[in-house]
Amino acid sequence: MPYLPSVPVIPLILESEPPYAMFEHFQRYRWVQPAVKYRDLPHLMEIFDKRVLKVGFTEAMKSRGIENPKLPKPPKWRREALMTPRRAASISPSGHLSSS
C-alpha cells in the first residue's frame, strides 16, 4: 500500500467485525479513503456504486488532474446483472462469501 499512491484504497468493513488490528497504520496514507461499513452483502451491493466505485474513480481521476469526472456508464452485462434477481448470499464470520 505505501508504494501505490495513484491507487485509491477504500477499506470495506463488515459492521459486526472489528477493523484489522493494524488498520490505523494504513489511514495515514493520503490515498486511503475513509472506511465504508456495511451490514451484509445486500447492503454492500446497495451502497457499492455511490460509496465505493464513485469515490474510488473520483479520487483516481483527481490524482491525474481531472476534476469533477463523470463515472462511465456501466457495460451492458453489468446493467443486466443489476436487473437480474439474485440468490441470497451472506458473508461468514471468517469473511467468506456463501450463497444459499
N, C-alpha and C. Protein backbone atom coordinates (compact mmCIF):
# COMPACT_ATOMS: atom_id res chain seq x y z
N MET A 1 0.80 -1.20 0.00
CA MET A 1 0.00 0.00 0.00
C MET A 1 0.85 1.27 0.00
N PRO A 2 1.98 1.32 0.68
CA PRO A 2 2.74 2.57 0.69
C PRO A 2 3.32 2.94 -0.67
N TYR A 3 3.37 2.00 -1.61
CA TYR A 3 4.01 2.26 -2.89
C TYR A 3 3.02 2.44 -4.04
N LEU A 4 1.75 2.61 -3.73
CA LEU A 4 0.73 2.75 -4.78
C LEU A 4 -0.10 4.02 -4.58
N PRO A 5 0.53 5.20 -4.57
CA PRO A 5 -0.23 6.42 -4.29
C PRO A 5 -1.25 6.80 -5.35
N SER A 6 -1.17 6.23 -6.54
CA SER A 6 -2.14 6.58 -7.57
C SER A 6 -3.37 5.66 -7.53
N VAL A 7 -3.36 4.70 -6.61
CA VAL A 7 -4.48 3.76 -6.50
C VAL A 7 -5.26 4.06 -5.22
N PRO A 8 -6.47 4.64 -5.34
CA PRO A 8 -7.25 4.91 -4.14
C PRO A 8 -7.63 3.60 -3.45
N VAL A 9 -7.54 3.59 -2.15
CA VAL A 9 -7.91 2.41 -1.36
C VAL A 9 -9.13 2.79 -0.53
N ILE A 10 -10.18 2.00 -0.66
CA ILE A 10 -11.40 2.22 0.11
C ILE A 10 -11.64 0.95 0.92
N PRO A 11 -11.28 0.97 2.20
CA PRO A 11 -11.47 -0.23 3.03
C PRO A 11 -12.96 -0.54 3.22
N LEU A 12 -13.29 -1.81 3.14
CA LEU A 12 -14.66 -2.28 3.37
C LEU A 12 -14.64 -3.08 4.66
N ILE A 13 -15.50 -2.69 5.60
CA ILE A 13 -15.50 -3.34 6.91
C ILE A 13 -16.93 -3.77 7.25
N LEU A 14 -17.09 -5.04 7.54
CA LEU A 14 -18.37 -5.56 7.99
C LEU A 14 -18.67 -4.96 9.35
N GLU A 15 -19.86 -4.36 9.51
CA GLU A 15 -20.20 -3.65 10.74
C GLU A 15 -20.02 -4.50 12.00
N SER A 16 -20.29 -5.77 11.89
CA SER A 16 -20.22 -6.65 13.07
C SER A 16 -18.80 -7.10 13.41
N GLU A 17 -17.84 -6.71 12.60
CA GLU A 17 -16.45 -7.13 12.83
C GLU A 17 -15.56 -5.92 13.15
N PRO A 18 -14.57 -6.11 14.02
CA PRO A 18 -13.64 -5.01 14.27
C PRO A 18 -12.69 -4.85 13.08
N PRO A 19 -12.16 -3.66 12.85
CA PRO A 19 -11.19 -3.48 11.77
C PRO A 19 -9.92 -4.29 12.03
N TYR A 20 -9.19 -4.54 10.99
CA TYR A 20 -7.89 -5.20 11.05
C TYR A 20 -7.05 -4.52 12.13
N ALA A 21 -6.32 -5.28 12.91
CA ALA A 21 -5.59 -4.73 14.07
C ALA A 21 -4.68 -3.56 13.72
N MET A 22 -4.03 -3.60 12.58
CA MET A 22 -3.10 -2.53 12.22
C MET A 22 -3.71 -1.56 11.20
N PHE A 23 -5.03 -1.58 11.10
CA PHE A 23 -5.73 -0.74 10.13
C PHE A 23 -5.38 0.74 10.29
N GLU A 24 -5.24 1.20 11.51
CA GLU A 24 -4.93 2.62 11.75
C GLU A 24 -3.64 3.06 11.07
N HIS A 25 -2.72 2.13 10.87
CA HIS A 25 -1.45 2.48 10.21
C HIS A 25 -1.67 2.79 8.72
N PHE A 26 -2.67 2.17 8.12
CA PHE A 26 -2.95 2.42 6.71
C PHE A 26 -3.59 3.79 6.50
N GLN A 27 -4.32 4.26 7.48
CA GLN A 27 -5.07 5.50 7.34
C GLN A 27 -4.18 6.74 7.22
N ARG A 28 -2.91 6.61 7.50
CA ARG A 28 -2.03 7.78 7.41
C ARG A 28 -1.69 8.14 5.95
N TYR A 29 -1.93 7.22 5.03
CA TYR A 29 -1.65 7.48 3.62
C TYR A 29 -2.79 8.29 3.02
N ARG A 30 -2.45 9.33 2.26
CA ARG A 30 -3.47 10.23 1.73
C ARG A 30 -4.40 9.54 0.73
N TRP A 31 -3.99 8.45 0.13
CA TRP A 31 -4.82 7.77 -0.86
C TRP A 31 -5.75 6.74 -0.23
N VAL A 32 -5.64 6.54 1.09
CA VAL A 32 -6.57 5.65 1.78
C VAL A 32 -7.78 6.48 2.20
N GLN A 33 -8.92 6.14 1.65
CA GLN A 33 -10.16 6.86 1.92
C GLN A 33 -10.80 6.34 3.21
N PRO A 34 -11.78 7.08 3.74
CA PRO A 34 -12.48 6.59 4.93
C PRO A 34 -13.11 5.22 4.67
N ALA A 35 -13.11 4.39 5.68
CA ALA A 35 -13.68 3.04 5.55
C ALA A 35 -15.18 3.10 5.31
N VAL A 36 -15.64 2.16 4.52
CA VAL A 36 -17.08 2.01 4.27
C VAL A 36 -17.53 0.79 5.06
N LYS A 37 -18.47 0.99 5.96
CA LYS A 37 -19.01 -0.12 6.74
C LYS A 37 -20.31 -0.58 6.12
N TYR A 38 -20.50 -1.90 6.13
CA TYR A 38 -21.71 -2.48 5.56
C TYR A 38 -22.27 -3.54 6.50
N ARG A 39 -23.59 -3.73 6.43
CA ARG A 39 -24.26 -4.69 7.32
C ARG A 39 -24.16 -6.12 6.81
N ASP A 40 -24.37 -6.30 5.51
CA ASP A 40 -24.38 -7.62 4.90
C ASP A 40 -24.16 -7.43 3.39
N LEU A 41 -24.11 -8.51 2.66
CA LEU A 41 -23.83 -8.43 1.23
C LEU A 41 -24.88 -7.62 0.47
N PRO A 42 -26.18 -7.80 0.73
CA PRO A 42 -27.15 -6.96 0.02
C PRO A 42 -26.93 -5.46 0.30
N HIS A 43 -26.59 -5.12 1.53
CA HIS A 43 -26.33 -3.72 1.86
C HIS A 43 -25.10 -3.22 1.10
N LEU A 44 -24.05 -4.04 1.03
CA LEU A 44 -22.85 -3.64 0.29
C LEU A 44 -23.18 -3.43 -1.18
N MET A 45 -23.98 -4.32 -1.76
CA MET A 45 -24.38 -4.17 -3.17
C MET A 45 -25.16 -2.87 -3.37
N GLU A 46 -25.98 -2.52 -2.40
CA GLU A 46 -26.80 -1.32 -2.47
C GLU A 46 -25.96 -0.04 -2.45
N ILE A 47 -24.90 -0.02 -1.63
CA ILE A 47 -24.10 1.19 -1.47
C ILE A 47 -22.84 1.22 -2.31
N PHE A 48 -22.53 0.12 -2.98
CA PHE A 48 -21.24 -0.01 -3.66
C PHE A 48 -20.97 1.09 -4.69
N ASP A 49 -21.90 1.33 -5.60
CA ASP A 49 -21.66 2.32 -6.66
C ASP A 49 -21.39 3.71 -6.09
N LYS A 50 -22.21 4.14 -5.15
CA LYS A 50 -22.09 5.50 -4.62
C LYS A 50 -20.92 5.66 -3.64
N ARG A 51 -20.73 4.71 -2.74
CA ARG A 51 -19.76 4.89 -1.66
C ARG A 51 -18.39 4.29 -1.94
N VAL A 52 -18.30 3.39 -2.93
CA VAL A 52 -17.02 2.74 -3.24
C VAL A 52 -16.57 3.09 -4.66
N LEU A 53 -17.33 2.69 -5.64
CA LEU A 53 -16.93 2.88 -7.04
C LEU A 53 -16.77 4.36 -7.39
N LYS A 54 -17.78 5.17 -7.07
CA LYS A 54 -17.72 6.59 -7.42
C LYS A 54 -16.58 7.30 -6.68
N VAL A 55 -16.42 7.01 -5.40
CA VAL A 55 -15.36 7.65 -4.61
C VAL A 55 -13.98 7.25 -5.15
N GLY A 56 -13.79 5.96 -5.40
CA GLY A 56 -12.50 5.49 -5.92
C GLY A 56 -12.18 6.08 -7.28
N PHE A 57 -13.18 6.10 -8.16
CA PHE A 57 -12.99 6.65 -9.51
C PHE A 57 -12.65 8.14 -9.44
N THR A 58 -13.40 8.88 -8.61
CA THR A 58 -13.17 10.32 -8.48
C THR A 58 -11.78 10.61 -7.95
N GLU A 59 -11.35 9.87 -6.93
CA GLU A 59 -10.01 10.07 -6.37
C GLU A 59 -8.92 9.71 -7.39
N ALA A 60 -9.13 8.64 -8.15
CA ALA A 60 -8.14 8.25 -9.17
C ALA A 60 -8.02 9.34 -10.23
N MET A 61 -9.13 9.90 -10.65
CA MET A 61 -9.10 10.96 -11.66
C MET A 61 -8.47 12.23 -11.10
N LYS A 62 -8.74 12.57 -9.84
CA LYS A 62 -8.12 13.74 -9.21
C LYS A 62 -6.60 13.60 -9.21
N SER A 63 -6.11 12.39 -8.94
CA SER A 63 -4.66 12.18 -8.91
C SER A 63 -4.04 12.36 -10.30
N ARG A 64 -4.88 12.31 -11.34
CA ARG A 64 -4.42 12.52 -12.72
C ARG A 64 -4.73 13.95 -13.20
N GLY A 65 -5.23 14.78 -12.27
CA GLY A 65 -5.50 16.17 -12.61
C GLY A 65 -6.85 16.41 -13.25
N ILE A 66 -7.74 15.45 -13.17
CA ILE A 66 -9.07 15.60 -13.77
C ILE A 66 -10.07 15.87 -12.65
N GLU A 67 -10.64 17.06 -12.67
CA GLU A 67 -11.61 17.44 -11.64
C GLU A 67 -13.03 17.14 -12.09
N ASN A 68 -13.90 16.80 -11.16
CA ASN A 68 -15.32 16.53 -11.41
C ASN A 68 -15.56 15.54 -12.55
N PRO A 69 -14.93 14.37 -12.52
CA PRO A 69 -15.13 13.40 -13.60
C PRO A 69 -16.51 12.76 -13.51
N LYS A 70 -17.01 12.33 -14.63
CA LYS A 70 -18.28 11.60 -14.65
C LYS A 70 -17.95 10.12 -14.72
N LEU A 71 -18.63 9.36 -13.88
CA LEU A 71 -18.44 7.91 -13.87
C LEU A 71 -18.93 7.34 -15.20
N PRO A 72 -18.12 6.52 -15.86
CA PRO A 72 -18.57 5.95 -17.14
C PRO A 72 -19.82 5.10 -16.95
N LYS A 73 -20.61 5.02 -17.98
CA LYS A 73 -21.82 4.19 -17.95
C LYS A 73 -21.39 2.73 -17.83
N PRO A 74 -22.04 1.95 -16.97
CA PRO A 74 -21.63 0.55 -16.84
C PRO A 74 -21.88 -0.23 -18.13
N PRO A 75 -21.07 -1.24 -18.41
CA PRO A 75 -21.28 -2.04 -19.62
C PRO A 75 -22.63 -2.76 -19.56
N LYS A 76 -23.12 -3.15 -20.71
CA LYS A 76 -24.44 -3.77 -20.81
C LYS A 76 -24.55 -4.99 -19.89
N TRP A 77 -23.53 -5.83 -19.83
CA TRP A 77 -23.61 -7.03 -19.00
C TRP A 77 -23.80 -6.67 -17.53
N ARG A 78 -23.23 -5.55 -17.07
CA ARG A 78 -23.39 -5.17 -15.67
C ARG A 78 -24.79 -4.62 -15.42
N ARG A 79 -25.30 -3.84 -16.35
CA ARG A 79 -26.67 -3.32 -16.21
C ARG A 79 -27.65 -4.48 -16.15
N GLU A 80 -27.45 -5.49 -16.99
CA GLU A 80 -28.34 -6.66 -16.99
C GLU A 80 -28.20 -7.43 -15.68
N ALA A 81 -26.98 -7.56 -15.19
CA ALA A 81 -26.76 -8.28 -13.94
C ALA A 81 -27.44 -7.58 -12.77
N LEU A 82 -27.44 -6.25 -12.80
CA LEU A 82 -28.09 -5.50 -11.73
C LEU A 82 -29.60 -5.67 -11.76
N MET A 83 -30.15 -5.98 -12.91
CA MET A 83 -31.60 -6.15 -13.05
C MET A 83 -32.04 -7.59 -12.78
N THR A 84 -31.10 -8.53 -12.73
CA THR A 84 -31.42 -9.94 -12.54
C THR A 84 -31.56 -10.25 -11.05
N PRO A 85 -32.66 -10.93 -10.66
CA PRO A 85 -32.78 -11.31 -9.25
C PRO A 85 -31.61 -12.21 -8.84
N ARG A 86 -31.17 -12.05 -7.61
CA ARG A 86 -30.01 -12.81 -7.13
C ARG A 86 -30.42 -13.82 -6.09
N ARG A 87 -29.60 -14.86 -5.99
CA ARG A 87 -29.78 -15.80 -4.89
C ARG A 87 -29.29 -15.12 -3.62
N ALA A 88 -29.83 -15.53 -2.51
CA ALA A 88 -29.40 -14.97 -1.23
C ALA A 88 -27.94 -15.33 -0.99
N ALA A 89 -27.19 -14.40 -0.47
CA ALA A 89 -25.78 -14.63 -0.18
C ALA A 89 -25.46 -14.01 1.17
N SER A 90 -24.43 -14.51 1.78
CA SER A 90 -24.01 -13.94 3.07
C SER A 90 -22.50 -14.06 3.20
N ILE A 91 -21.97 -13.34 4.15
CA ILE A 91 -20.55 -13.40 4.45
C ILE A 91 -20.40 -14.02 5.83
N SER A 92 -19.63 -15.09 5.89
CA SER A 92 -19.45 -15.78 7.16
C SER A 92 -18.58 -14.95 8.09
N PRO A 93 -18.58 -15.28 9.40
CA PRO A 93 -17.73 -14.54 10.34
C PRO A 93 -16.26 -14.53 9.93
N SER A 94 -15.84 -15.57 9.21
CA SER A 94 -14.43 -15.61 8.76
C SER A 94 -14.21 -14.78 7.50
N GLY A 95 -15.30 -14.18 6.96
CA GLY A 95 -15.17 -13.31 5.80
C GLY A 95 -15.39 -13.98 4.47
N HIS A 96 -15.79 -15.25 4.47
CA HIS A 96 -16.01 -15.97 3.21
C HIS A 96 -17.42 -15.78 2.70
N LEU A 97 -17.55 -15.61 1.40
CA LEU A 97 -18.84 -15.42 0.76
C LEU A 97 -19.50 -16.79 0.56
N SER A 98 -20.77 -16.88 0.92
CA SER A 98 -21.51 -18.11 0.69
C SER A 98 -22.88 -17.74 0.14
N SER A 99 -23.45 -18.61 -0.66
CA SER A 99 -24.79 -18.35 -1.20
C SER A 99 -25.67 -19.53 -0.88
N SER A 100 -26.97 -19.25 -0.80
CA SER A 100 -27.91 -20.33 -0.48
C SER A 100 -28.86 -20.56 -1.63
